[in-house]
């Protein structure tokens, strides 16, 4: 777990952190998921995000970034982790160097 001053402060930093720490296999599996299936990651990857990125322990900078990204000033920590997962999925899809995107995503 990063030290409190090393916690991601923005969605972009959170996505960078995740992509630096996920295995290639995990990245591929997430890349192949349909957007509507991303909530299935809530109790696994979402829990890691909430705990390791300080969403439950007052990382207000990251919460502010998530709220701005989602356009929701009252976004809950649970939902903030979903916003980060969505942003990571979007980046994986936009950087799909292996052309792994399924045709019907």
PDB file of N, CA and C in Angstrom:
ATOM      1  N   UNK A   1       0.836  -1.171   0.000  1.00  0.00           N
ATOM      2  CA  UNK A   1       0.000   0.000   0.000  1.00  0.00           C
ATOM      3  C   UNK A   1       0.883   1.237   0.000  1.00  0.00           C
ATOM      4  N   UNK A   2       0.584   2.205  -0.855  1.00  0.00           N
ATOM      5  CA  UNK A   2       1.407   3.404  -0.883  1.00  0.00           C
ATOM      6  C   UNK A   2       1.266   4.179   0.422  1.00  0.00           C
ATOM      7  N   UNK A   3       2.311   4.946   0.782  1.00  0.00           N
ATOM      8  CA  UNK A   3       2.223   5.828   1.937  1.00  0.00           C
ATOM      9  C   UNK A   3       1.189   6.904   1.667  1.00  0.00           C
ATOM     10  N   UNK A   4       0.686   7.536   2.740  1.00  0.00           N
ATOM     11  CA  UNK A   4      -0.407   8.496   2.572  1.00  0.00           C
ATOM     12  C   UNK A   4      -0.042   9.626   1.623  1.00  0.00           C
ATOM     13  N   UNK A   5       1.196  10.070   1.607  1.00  0.00           N
ATOM     14  CA  UNK A   5       1.556  11.153   0.686  1.00  0.00           C
ATOM     15  C   UNK A   5       1.763  10.644  -0.735  1.00  0.00           C
ATOM     16  N   UNK A   6       1.852   9.329  -0.899  1.00  0.00           N
ATOM     17  CA  UNK A   6       2.030   8.735  -2.223  1.00  0.00           C
ATOM     18  C   UNK A   6       0.711   8.274  -2.839  1.00  0.00           C
ATOM     19  N   UNK A   7      -0.388   8.506  -2.145  1.00  0.00           N
ATOM     20  CA  UNK A   7      -1.681   8.081  -2.667  1.00  0.00           C
ATOM     21  C   UNK A   7      -2.020   8.849  -3.933  1.00  0.00           C
ATOM     22  N   UNK A   8      -2.658   8.188  -4.880  1.00  0.00           N
ATOM     23  CA  UNK A   8      -3.107   8.906  -6.076  1.00  0.00           C
ATOM     24  C   UNK A   8      -4.020  10.060  -5.687  1.00  0.00           C
ATOM     25  N   UNK A   9      -3.831  11.197  -6.337  1.00  0.00           N
ATOM     26  CA  UNK A   9      -4.623  12.381  -6.041  1.00  0.00           C
ATOM     27  C   UNK A   9      -5.680  12.648  -7.103  1.00  0.00           C
ATOM     28  N   UNK A  10      -5.546  12.019  -8.263  1.00  0.00           N
ATOM     29  CA  UNK A  10      -6.472  12.216  -9.378  1.00  0.00           C
ATOM     30  C   UNK A  10      -6.847  10.860  -9.953  1.00  0.00           C
ATOM     31  N   UNK A  11      -7.884  10.866 -10.757  1.00  0.00           N
ATOM     32  CA  UNK A  11      -8.272   9.629 -11.449  1.00  0.00           C
ATOM     33  C   UNK A  11      -7.135   9.138 -12.334  1.00  0.00           C
ATOM     34  N   UNK A  12      -6.468  10.051 -13.023  1.00  0.00           N
ATOM     35  CA  UNK A  12      -5.372   9.663 -13.908  1.00  0.00           C
ATOM     36  C   UNK A  12      -4.265   8.962 -13.124  1.00  0.00           C
ATOM     37  N   UNK A  13      -3.916   9.508 -11.957  1.00  0.00           N
ATOM     38  CA  UNK A  13      -2.900   8.872 -11.122  1.00  0.00           C
ATOM     39  C   UNK A  13      -3.384   7.521 -10.601  1.00  0.00           C
ATOM     40  N   UNK A  14      -4.658   7.416 -10.273  1.00  0.00           N
ATOM     41  CA  UNK A  14      -5.214   6.145  -9.798  1.00  0.00           C
ATOM     42  C   UNK A  14      -5.137   5.086 -10.893  1.00  0.00           C
ATOM     43  N   UNK A  15      -5.469   5.471 -12.110  1.00  0.00           N
ATOM     44  CA  UNK A  15      -5.396   4.533 -13.240  1.00  0.00           C
ATOM     45  C   UNK A  15      -3.945   4.145 -13.495  1.00  0.00           C
ATOM     46  N   UNK A  16      -3.029   5.118 -13.440  1.00  0.00           N
ATOM     47  CA  UNK A  16      -1.601   4.814 -13.603  1.00  0.00           C
ATOM     48  C   UNK A  16      -1.153   3.786 -12.566  1.00  0.00           C
ATOM     49  N   UNK A  17      -1.572   3.991 -11.307  1.00  0.00           N
ATOM     50  CA  UNK A  17      -1.207   3.084 -10.221  1.00  0.00           C
ATOM     51  C   UNK A  17      -1.733   1.673 -10.493  1.00  0.00           C
ATOM     52  N   UNK A  18      -2.993   1.592 -10.885  1.00  0.00           N
ATOM     53  CA  UNK A  18      -3.581   0.276 -11.157  1.00  0.00           C
ATOM     54  C   UNK A  18      -2.854  -0.431 -12.293  1.00  0.00           C
ATOM     55  N   UNK A  19      -2.628   0.285 -13.376  1.00  0.00           N
ATOM     56  CA  UNK A  19      -1.997  -0.348 -14.531  1.00  0.00           C
ATOM     57  C   UNK A  19      -0.553  -0.738 -14.256  1.00  0.00           C
ATOM     58  N   UNK A  20       0.103  -0.044 -13.337  1.00  0.00           N
ATOM     59  CA  UNK A  20       1.467  -0.408 -12.956  1.00  0.00           C
ATOM     60  C   UNK A  20       1.488  -1.645 -12.065  1.00  0.00           C
ATOM     61  N   UNK A  21       0.354  -1.954 -11.436  1.00  0.00           N
ATOM     62  CA  UNK A  21       0.321  -3.049 -10.470  1.00  0.00           C
ATOM     63  C   UNK A  21      -0.512  -4.252 -10.887  1.00  0.00           C
ATOM     64  N   UNK A  22      -1.298  -4.138 -11.938  1.00  0.00           N
ATOM     65  CA  UNK A  22      -2.063  -5.281 -12.431  1.00  0.00           C
ATOM     66  C   UNK A  22      -1.184  -6.155 -13.318  1.00  0.00           C
ATOM     67  N   UNK A  23      -1.470  -7.432 -13.314  1.00  0.00           N
ATOM     68  CA  UNK A  23      -0.758  -8.331 -14.222  1.00  0.00           C
ATOM     69  C   UNK A  23      -1.270  -8.116 -15.648  1.00  0.00           C
ATOM     70  N   UNK A  24      -0.479  -8.519 -16.599  1.00  0.00           N
ATOM     71  CA  UNK A  24      -0.901  -8.429 -17.996  1.00  0.00           C
ATOM     72  C   UNK A  24      -2.178  -9.230 -18.203  1.00  0.00           C
ATOM     73  N   UNK A  25      -2.278 -10.380 -17.572  1.00  0.00           N
ATOM     74  CA  UNK A  25      -3.484 -11.202 -17.684  1.00  0.00           C
ATOM     75  C   UNK A  25      -4.713 -10.440 -17.174  1.00  0.00           C
ATOM     76  N   UNK A  26      -4.575  -9.761 -16.024  1.00  0.00           N
ATOM     77  CA  UNK A  26      -5.699  -8.979 -15.495  1.00  0.00           C
ATOM     78  C   UNK A  26      -6.075  -7.855 -16.450  1.00  0.00           C
ATOM     79  N   UNK A  27      -5.077  -7.172 -16.984  1.00  0.00           N
ATOM     80  CA  UNK A  27      -5.351  -6.097 -17.944  1.00  0.00           C
ATOM     81  C   UNK A  27      -6.115  -6.621 -19.155  1.00  0.00           C
ATOM     82  N   UNK A  28      -5.688  -7.756 -19.661  1.00  0.00           N
ATOM     83  CA  UNK A  28      -6.354  -8.351 -20.831  1.00  0.00           C
ATOM     84  C   UNK A  28      -7.798  -8.718 -20.480  1.00  0.00           C
ATOM     85  N   UNK A  29      -7.999  -9.341 -19.321  1.00  0.00           N
ATOM     86  CA  UNK A  29      -9.353  -9.740 -18.924  1.00  0.00           C
ATOM     87  C   UNK A  29     -10.274  -8.533 -18.772  1.00  0.00           C
ATOM     88  N   UNK A  30      -9.772  -7.461 -18.175  1.00  0.00           N
ATOM     89  CA  UNK A  30     -10.583  -6.249 -18.013  1.00  0.00           C
ATOM     90  C   UNK A  30     -10.853  -5.610 -19.361  1.00  0.00           C
ATOM     91  N   UNK A  31      -9.853  -5.588 -20.223  1.00  0.00           N
ATOM     92  CA  UNK A  31     -10.004  -5.018 -21.567  1.00  0.00           C
ATOM     93  C   UNK A  31     -11.091  -5.751 -22.355  1.00  0.00           C
ATOM     94  N   UNK A  32     -11.195  -7.042 -22.148  1.00  0.00           N
ATOM     95  CA  UNK A  32     -12.166  -7.839 -22.889  1.00  0.00           C
ATOM     96  C   UNK A  32     -13.587  -7.750 -22.317  1.00  0.00           C
ATOM     97  N   UNK A  33     -13.715  -7.168 -21.129  1.00  0.00           N
ATOM     98  CA  UNK A  33     -15.036  -7.067 -20.502  1.00  0.00           C
ATOM     99  C   UNK A  33     -15.904  -6.040 -21.226  1.00  0.00           C
ATOM    100  N   UNK A  34     -17.202  -6.281 -21.193  1.00  0.00           N
ATOM    101  CA  UNK A  34     -18.156  -5.283 -21.661  1.00  0.00           C
ATOM    102  C   UNK A  34     -18.350  -4.275 -20.530  1.00  0.00           C
ATOM    103  N   UNK A  35     -18.640  -3.038 -20.900  1.00  0.00           N
ATOM    104  CA  UNK A  35     -18.809  -1.985 -19.901  1.00  0.00           C
ATOM    105  C   UNK A  35     -19.862  -2.361 -18.858  1.00  0.00           C
ATOM    106  N   UNK A  36     -20.939  -2.978 -19.291  1.00  0.00           N
ATOM    107  CA  UNK A  36     -22.003  -3.327 -18.349  1.00  0.00           C
ATOM    108  C   UNK A  36     -21.590  -4.431 -17.371  1.00  0.00           C
ATOM    109  N   UNK A  37     -20.443  -5.102 -17.623  1.00  0.00           N
ATOM    110  CA  UNK A  37     -19.956  -6.132 -16.713  1.00  0.00           C
ATOM    111  C   UNK A  37     -18.956  -5.601 -15.685  1.00  0.00           C
ATOM    112  N   UNK A  38     -18.533  -4.343 -15.825  1.00  0.00           N
ATOM    113  CA  UNK A  38     -17.549  -3.780 -14.901  1.00  0.00           C
ATOM    114  C   UNK A  38     -18.008  -3.782 -13.441  1.00  0.00           C
ATOM    115  N   UNK A  39     -19.307  -3.606 -13.142  1.00  0.00           N
ATOM    116  CA  UNK A  39     -19.720  -3.674 -11.729  1.00  0.00           C
ATOM    117  C   UNK A  39     -19.376  -5.007 -11.056  1.00  0.00           C
ATOM    118  N   UNK A  40     -19.113  -6.051 -11.829  1.00  0.00           N
ATOM    119  CA  UNK A  40     -18.701  -7.327 -11.249  1.00  0.00           C
ATOM    120  C   UNK A  40     -17.361  -7.216 -10.521  1.00  0.00           C
ATOM    121  N   UNK A  41     -16.615  -6.142 -10.770  1.00  0.00           N
ATOM    122  CA  UNK A  41     -15.311  -5.937 -10.129  1.00  0.00           C
ATOM    123  C   UNK A  41     -15.426  -5.190  -8.802  1.00  0.00           C
ATOM    124  N   UNK A  42     -16.645  -4.832  -8.392  1.00  0.00           N
ATOM    125  CA  UNK A  42     -16.855  -4.003  -7.205  1.00  0.00           C
ATOM    126  C   UNK A  42     -16.244  -4.606  -5.942  1.00  0.00           C
ATOM    127  N   UNK A  43     -16.430  -5.896  -5.710  1.00  0.00           N
ATOM    128  CA  UNK A  43     -15.965  -6.505  -4.463  1.00  0.00           C
ATOM    129  C   UNK A  43     -14.525  -6.991  -4.529  1.00  0.00           C
ATOM    130  N   UNK A  44     -13.933  -7.025  -5.692  1.00  0.00           N
ATOM    131  CA  UNK A  44     -12.532  -7.444  -5.805  1.00  0.00           C
ATOM    132  C   UNK A  44     -11.657  -6.209  -6.040  1.00  0.00           C
ATOM    133  N   UNK A  45     -11.547  -5.788  -7.266  1.00  0.00           N
ATOM    134  CA  UNK A  45     -10.714  -4.640  -7.598  1.00  0.00           C
ATOM    135  C   UNK A  45     -11.234  -3.368  -6.926  1.00  0.00           C
ATOM    136  N   UNK A  46     -12.540  -3.217  -6.847  1.00  0.00           N
ATOM    137  CA  UNK A  46     -13.112  -2.044  -6.188  1.00  0.00           C
ATOM    138  C   UNK A  46     -12.691  -1.946  -4.733  1.00  0.00           C
ATOM    139  N   UNK A  47     -12.656  -3.067  -4.043  1.00  0.00           N
ATOM    140  CA  UNK A  47     -12.227  -3.093  -2.646  1.00  0.00           C
ATOM    141  C   UNK A  47     -10.764  -2.688  -2.518  1.00  0.00           C
ATOM    142  N   UNK A  48      -9.928  -3.183  -3.410  1.00  0.00           N
ATOM    143  CA  UNK A  48      -8.510  -2.805  -3.415  1.00  0.00           C
ATOM    144  C   UNK A  48      -8.376  -1.294  -3.611  1.00  0.00           C
ATOM    145  N   UNK A  49      -9.124  -0.747  -4.546  1.00  0.00           N
ATOM    146  CA  UNK A  49      -9.080   0.691  -4.809  1.00  0.00           C
ATOM    147  C   UNK A  49      -9.517   1.467  -3.568  1.00  0.00           C
ATOM    148  N   UNK A  50     -10.624   1.090  -2.982  1.00  0.00           N
ATOM    149  CA  UNK A  50     -11.135   1.818  -1.820  1.00  0.00           C
ATOM    150  C   UNK A  50     -10.155   1.777  -0.655  1.00  0.00           C
ATOM    151  N   UNK A  51      -9.507   0.639  -0.454  1.00  0.00           N
ATOM    152  CA  UNK A  51      -8.590   0.493   0.676  1.00  0.00           C
ATOM    153  C   UNK A  51      -7.204   1.064   0.380  1.00  0.00           C
ATOM    154  N   UNK A  52      -6.599   0.687  -0.726  1.00  0.00           N
ATOM    155  CA  UNK A  52      -5.223   1.086  -1.010  1.00  0.00           C
ATOM    156  C   UNK A  52      -5.080   2.537  -1.461  1.00  0.00           C
ATOM    157  N   UNK A  53      -6.128   3.108  -2.005  1.00  0.00           N
ATOM    158  CA  UNK A  53      -6.035   4.490  -2.483  1.00  0.00           C
ATOM    159  C   UNK A  53      -6.628   5.483  -1.495  1.00  0.00           C
ATOM    160  N   UNK A  54      -6.995   4.993  -0.335  1.00  0.00           N
ATOM    161  CA  UNK A  54      -7.420   5.860   0.745  1.00  0.00           C
ATOM    162  C   UNK A  54      -8.803   6.454   0.614  1.00  0.00           C
ATOM    163  N   UNK A  55      -9.661   5.861  -0.201  1.00  0.00           N
ATOM    164  CA  UNK A  55     -11.011   6.410  -0.329  1.00  0.00           C
ATOM    165  C   UNK A  55     -11.767   6.321   0.998  1.00  0.00           C
ATOM    166  N   UNK A  56     -11.523   5.246   1.758  1.00  0.00           N
ATOM    167  CA  UNK A  56     -12.190   5.081   3.057  1.00  0.00           C
ATOM    168  C   UNK A  56     -11.490   5.873   4.152  1.00  0.00           C
ATOM    169  N   UNK A  57     -10.265   6.315   3.893  1.00  0.00           N
ATOM    170  CA  UNK A  57      -9.504   6.983   4.966  1.00  0.00           C
ATOM    171  C   UNK A  57      -9.216   8.448   4.656  1.00  0.00           C
ATOM    172  N   UNK A  58     -10.062   9.074   3.858  1.00  0.00           N
ATOM    173  CA  UNK A  58      -9.992  10.515   3.707  1.00  0.00           C
ATOM    174  C   UNK A  58      -9.139  11.066   2.585  1.00  0.00           C
ATOM    175  N   UNK A  59      -8.937  10.337   1.515  1.00  0.00           N
ATOM    176  CA  UNK A  59      -8.192  10.884   0.375  1.00  0.00           C
ATOM    177  C   UNK A  59      -9.134  11.830  -0.386  1.00  0.00           C
ATOM    178  N   UNK A  60      -9.275  13.019   0.149  1.00  0.00           N
ATOM    179  CA  UNK A  60     -10.227  13.984  -0.408  1.00  0.00           C
ATOM    180  C   UNK A  60      -9.857  14.449  -1.809  1.00  0.00           C
ATOM    181  N   UNK A  61      -8.566  14.505  -2.120  1.00  0.00           N
ATOM    182  CA  UNK A  61      -8.158  14.923  -3.460  1.00  0.00           C
ATOM    183  C   UNK A  61      -8.662  13.949  -4.515  1.00  0.00           C
ATOM    184  N   UNK A  62      -8.513  12.654  -4.238  1.00  0.00           N
ATOM    185  CA  UNK A  62      -8.984  11.649  -5.184  1.00  0.00           C
ATOM    186  C   UNK A  62     -10.512  11.653  -5.245  1.00  0.00           C
ATOM    187  N   UNK A  63     -11.156  11.806  -4.100  1.00  0.00           N
ATOM    188  CA  UNK A  63     -12.627  11.880  -4.104  1.00  0.00           C
ATOM    189  C   UNK A  63     -13.099  13.078  -4.923  1.00  0.00           C
ATOM    190  N   UNK A  64     -12.442  14.210  -4.771  1.00  0.00           N
ATOM    191  CA  UNK A  64     -12.810  15.408  -5.533  1.00  0.00           C
ATOM    192  C   UNK A  64     -12.654  15.154  -7.030  1.00  0.00           C
ATOM    193  N   UNK A  65     -11.567  14.507  -7.416  1.00  0.00           N
ATOM    194  CA  UNK A  65     -11.332  14.191  -8.821  1.00  0.00           C
ATOM    195  C   UNK A  65     -12.424  13.262  -9.351  1.00  0.00           C
ATOM    196  N   UNK A  66     -12.794  12.253  -8.559  1.00  0.00           N
ATOM    197  CA  UNK A  66     -13.850  11.321  -8.963  1.00  0.00           C
ATOM    198  C   UNK A  66     -15.187  12.034  -9.085  1.00  0.00           C
ATOM    199  N   UNK A  67     -15.465  12.910  -8.139  1.00  0.00           N
ATOM    200  CA  UNK A  67     -16.736  13.653  -8.175  1.00  0.00           C
ATOM    201  C   UNK A  67     -16.805  14.552  -9.405  1.00  0.00           C
ATOM    202  N   UNK A  68     -15.685  15.209  -9.731  1.00  0.00           N
ATOM    203  CA  UNK A  68     -15.661  16.060 -10.923  1.00  0.00           C
ATOM    204  C   UNK A  68     -15.846  15.217 -12.183  1.00  0.00           C
ATOM    205  N   UNK A  69     -15.150  14.118 -12.256  1.00  0.00           N
ATOM    206  CA  UNK A  69     -15.220  13.227 -13.416  1.00  0.00           C
ATOM    207  C   UNK A  69     -16.647  12.714 -13.622  1.00  0.00           C
ATOM    208  N   UNK A  70     -17.305  12.357 -12.507  1.00  0.00           N
ATOM    209  CA  UNK A  70     -18.656  11.793 -12.578  1.00  0.00           C
ATOM    210  C   UNK A  70     -19.733  12.871 -12.654  1.00  0.00           C
ATOM    211  N   UNK A  71     -19.362  14.121 -12.360  1.00  0.00           N
ATOM    212  CA  UNK A  71     -20.354  15.193 -12.348  1.00  0.00           C
ATOM    213  C   UNK A  71     -21.357  15.034 -11.215  1.00  0.00           C
ATOM    214  N   UNK A  72     -20.869  14.521 -10.075  1.00  0.00           N
ATOM    215  CA  UNK A  72     -21.735  14.248  -8.933  1.00  0.00           C
ATOM    216  C   UNK A  72     -21.015  14.680  -7.658  1.00  0.00           C
ATOM    217  N   UNK A  73     -21.427  15.809  -7.092  1.00  0.00           N
ATOM    218  CA  UNK A  73     -20.771  16.361  -5.904  1.00  0.00           C
ATOM    219  C   UNK A  73     -20.972  15.530  -4.641  1.00  0.00           C
ATOM    220  N   UNK A  74     -21.903  14.593  -4.659  1.00  0.00           N
ATOM    221  CA  UNK A  74     -22.139  13.765  -3.475  1.00  0.00           C
ATOM    222  C   UNK A  74     -21.775  12.300  -3.721  1.00  0.00           C
ATOM    223  N   UNK A  75     -20.892  12.055  -4.663  1.00  0.00           N
ATOM    224  CA  UNK A  75     -20.457  10.694  -4.997  1.00  0.00           C
ATOM    225  C   UNK A  75     -19.900   9.989  -3.755  1.00  0.00           C
ATOM    226  N   UNK A  76     -20.354   8.773  -3.514  1.00  0.00           N
ATOM    227  CA  UNK A  76     -19.919   7.961  -2.376  1.00  0.00           C
ATOM    228  C   UNK A  76     -18.624   7.231  -2.725  1.00  0.00           C
ATOM    229  N   UNK A  77     -17.872   6.839  -1.706  1.00  0.00           N
ATOM    230  CA  UNK A  77     -16.607   6.134  -1.907  1.00  0.00           C
ATOM    231  C   UNK A  77     -16.776   4.863  -2.738  1.00  0.00           C
ATOM    232  N   UNK A  78     -17.870   4.132  -2.500  1.00  0.00           N
ATOM    233  CA  UNK A  78     -18.131   2.924  -3.289  1.00  0.00           C
ATOM    234  C   UNK A  78     -18.249   3.262  -4.774  1.00  0.00           C
ATOM    235  N   UNK A  79     -18.962   4.326  -5.045  1.00  0.00           N
ATOM    236  CA  UNK A  79     -19.158   4.733  -6.437  1.00  0.00           C
ATOM    237  C   UNK A  79     -17.886   5.325  -7.028  1.00  0.00           C
ATOM    238  N   UNK A  80     -17.059   5.949  -6.192  1.00  0.00           N
ATOM    239  CA  UNK A  80     -15.794   6.507  -6.675  1.00  0.00           C
ATOM    240  C   UNK A  80     -14.885   5.391  -7.196  1.00  0.00           C
ATOM    241  N   UNK A  81     -14.888   4.249  -6.520  1.00  0.00           N
ATOM    242  CA  UNK A  81     -14.056   3.148  -7.007  1.00  0.00           C
ATOM    243  C   UNK A  81     -14.564   2.661  -8.366  1.00  0.00           C
ATOM    244  N   UNK A  82     -15.861   2.704  -8.570  1.00  0.00           N
ATOM    245  CA  UNK A  82     -16.416   2.320  -9.874  1.00  0.00           C
ATOM    246  C   UNK A  82     -16.022   3.316 -10.957  1.00  0.00           C
ATOM    247  N   UNK A  83     -15.971   4.594 -10.611  1.00  0.00           N
ATOM    248  CA  UNK A  83     -15.542   5.617 -11.563  1.00  0.00           C
ATOM    249  C   UNK A  83     -14.095   5.355 -11.987  1.00  0.00           C
ATOM    250  N   UNK A  84     -13.250   4.982 -11.031  1.00  0.00           N
ATOM    251  CA  UNK A  84     -11.843   4.691 -11.339  1.00  0.00           C
ATOM    252  C   UNK A  84     -11.744   3.452 -12.224  1.00  0.00           C
ATOM    253  N   UNK A  85     -12.512   2.423 -11.925  1.00  0.00           N
ATOM    254  CA  UNK A  85     -12.512   1.208 -12.753  1.00  0.00           C
ATOM    255  C   UNK A  85     -12.957   1.541 -14.176  1.00  0.00           C
ATOM    256  N   UNK A  86     -14.003   2.338 -14.314  1.00  0.00           N
ATOM    257  CA  UNK A  86     -14.472   2.741 -15.644  1.00  0.00           C
ATOM    258  C   UNK A  86     -13.394   3.506 -16.401  1.00  0.00           C
ATOM    259  N   UNK A  87     -12.707   4.424 -15.702  1.00  0.00           N
ATOM    260  CA  UNK A  87     -11.652   5.212 -16.342  1.00  0.00           C
ATOM    261  C   UNK A  87     -10.494   4.317 -16.774  1.00  0.00           C
ATOM    262  N   UNK A  88     -10.165   3.317 -15.956  1.00  0.00           N
ATOM    263  CA  UNK A  88      -9.102   2.385 -16.323  1.00  0.00           C
ATOM    264  C   UNK A  88      -9.514   1.570 -17.544  1.00  0.00           C
ATOM    265  N   UNK A  89     -10.761   1.102 -17.545  1.00  0.00           N
ATOM    266  CA  UNK A  89     -11.264   0.321 -18.680  1.00  0.00           C
ATOM    267  C   UNK A  89     -11.214   1.162 -19.960  1.00  0.00           C
ATOM    268  N   UNK A  90     -11.625   2.427 -19.850  1.00  0.00           N
ATOM    269  CA  UNK A  90     -11.579   3.322 -21.015  1.00  0.00           C
ATOM    270  C   UNK A  90     -10.151   3.475 -21.522  1.00  0.00           C
ATOM    271  N   UNK A  91      -9.195   3.637 -20.601  1.00  0.00           N
ATOM    272  CA  UNK A  91      -7.806   3.773 -21.041  1.00  0.00           C
ATOM    273  C   UNK A  91      -7.298   2.489 -21.677  1.00  0.00           C
ATOM    274  N   UNK A  92      -7.614   1.357 -21.075  1.00  0.00           N
ATOM    275  CA  UNK A  92      -7.203   0.081 -21.671  1.00  0.00           C
ATOM    276  C   UNK A  92      -7.767  -0.054 -23.084  1.00  0.00           C
ATOM    277  N   UNK A  93      -9.020   0.302 -23.249  1.00  0.00           N
ATOM    278  CA  UNK A  93      -9.664   0.178 -24.560  1.00  0.00           C
ATOM    279  C   UNK A  93      -9.051   1.153 -25.567  1.00  0.00           C
ATOM    280  N   UNK A  94      -8.705   2.353 -25.127  1.00  0.00           N
ATOM    281  CA  UNK A  94      -8.149   3.338 -26.057  1.00  0.00           C
ATOM    282  C   UNK A  94      -6.702   3.022 -26.411  1.00  0.00           C
ATOM    283  N   UNK A  95      -6.023   2.280 -25.539  1.00  0.00           N
ATOM    284  CA  UNK A  95      -4.621   1.910 -25.786  1.00  0.00           C
ATOM    285  C   UNK A  95      -4.492   0.451 -26.213  1.00  0.00           C
ATOM    286  N   UNK A  96      -5.507  -0.087 -26.809  1.00  0.00           N
ATOM    287  CA  UNK A  96      -5.562  -1.509 -27.139  1.00  0.00           C
ATOM    288  C   UNK A  96      -4.566  -1.849 -28.250  1.00  0.00           C
ATOM    289  N   UNK A  97      -3.309  -1.997 -27.854  1.00  0.00           N
ATOM    290  CA  UNK A  97      -2.249  -2.256 -28.830  1.00  0.00           C
ATOM    291  C   UNK A  97      -2.315  -3.658 -29.421  1.00  0.00           C
ATOM    292  N   UNK A  98      -2.981  -4.570 -28.724  1.00  0.00           N
ATOM    293  CA  UNK A  98      -3.075  -5.937 -29.213  1.00  0.00           C
ATOM    294  C   UNK A  98      -4.381  -6.183 -29.954  1.00  0.00           C
ATOM    295  N   UNK A  99      -5.185  -5.137 -30.134  1.00  0.00           N
ATOM    296  CA  UNK A  99      -6.469  -5.257 -30.810  1.00  0.00           C
ATOM    297  C   UNK A  99      -7.327  -6.361 -30.198  1.00  0.00           C
ATOM    298  N   UNK A 100      -7.483  -6.268 -28.864  1.00  0.00           N
ATOM    299  CA  UNK A 100      -8.223  -7.288 -28.137  1.00  0.00           C
ATOM    300  C   UNK A 100      -9.700  -6.971 -27.993  1.00  0.00           C
ATOM    301  N   UNK A 101     -10.103  -5.757 -28.342  1.00  0.00           N
ATOM    302  CA  UNK A 101     -11.503  -5.378 -28.148  1.00  0.00           C
ATOM    303  C   UNK A 101     -12.428  -6.323 -28.883  1.00  0.00           C
ATOM    304  N   UNK A 102     -13.392  -6.868 -28.177  1.00  0.00           N
ATOM    305  CA  UNK A 102     -14.384  -7.677 -28.883  1.00  0.00           C
ATOM    306  C   UNK A 102     -15.215  -6.771 -29.787  1.00  0.00           C
ATOM    307  N   UNK A 103     -15.723  -7.311 -30.863  1.00  0.00           N
ATOM    308  CA  UNK A 103     -16.491  -6.533 -31.830  1.00  0.00           C
ATOM    309  C   UNK A 103     -17.745  -5.935 -31.234  1.00  0.00           C
ATOM    310  N   UNK A 104     -18.354  -6.599 -30.271  1.00  0.00           N
ATOM    311  CA  UNK A 104     -19.633  -6.121 -29.748  1.00  0.00           C
ATOM    312  C   UNK A 104     -19.496  -5.624 -28.318  1.00  0.00           C
ATOM    313  N   UNK A 105     -18.626  -4.648 -28.085  1.00  0.00           N
ATOM    314  CA  UNK A 105     -18.420  -4.149 -26.713  1.00  0.00           C
ATOM    315  C   UNK A 105     -19.329  -3.023 -26.393  1.00  0.00           C
TER     316      UNK A 105
END
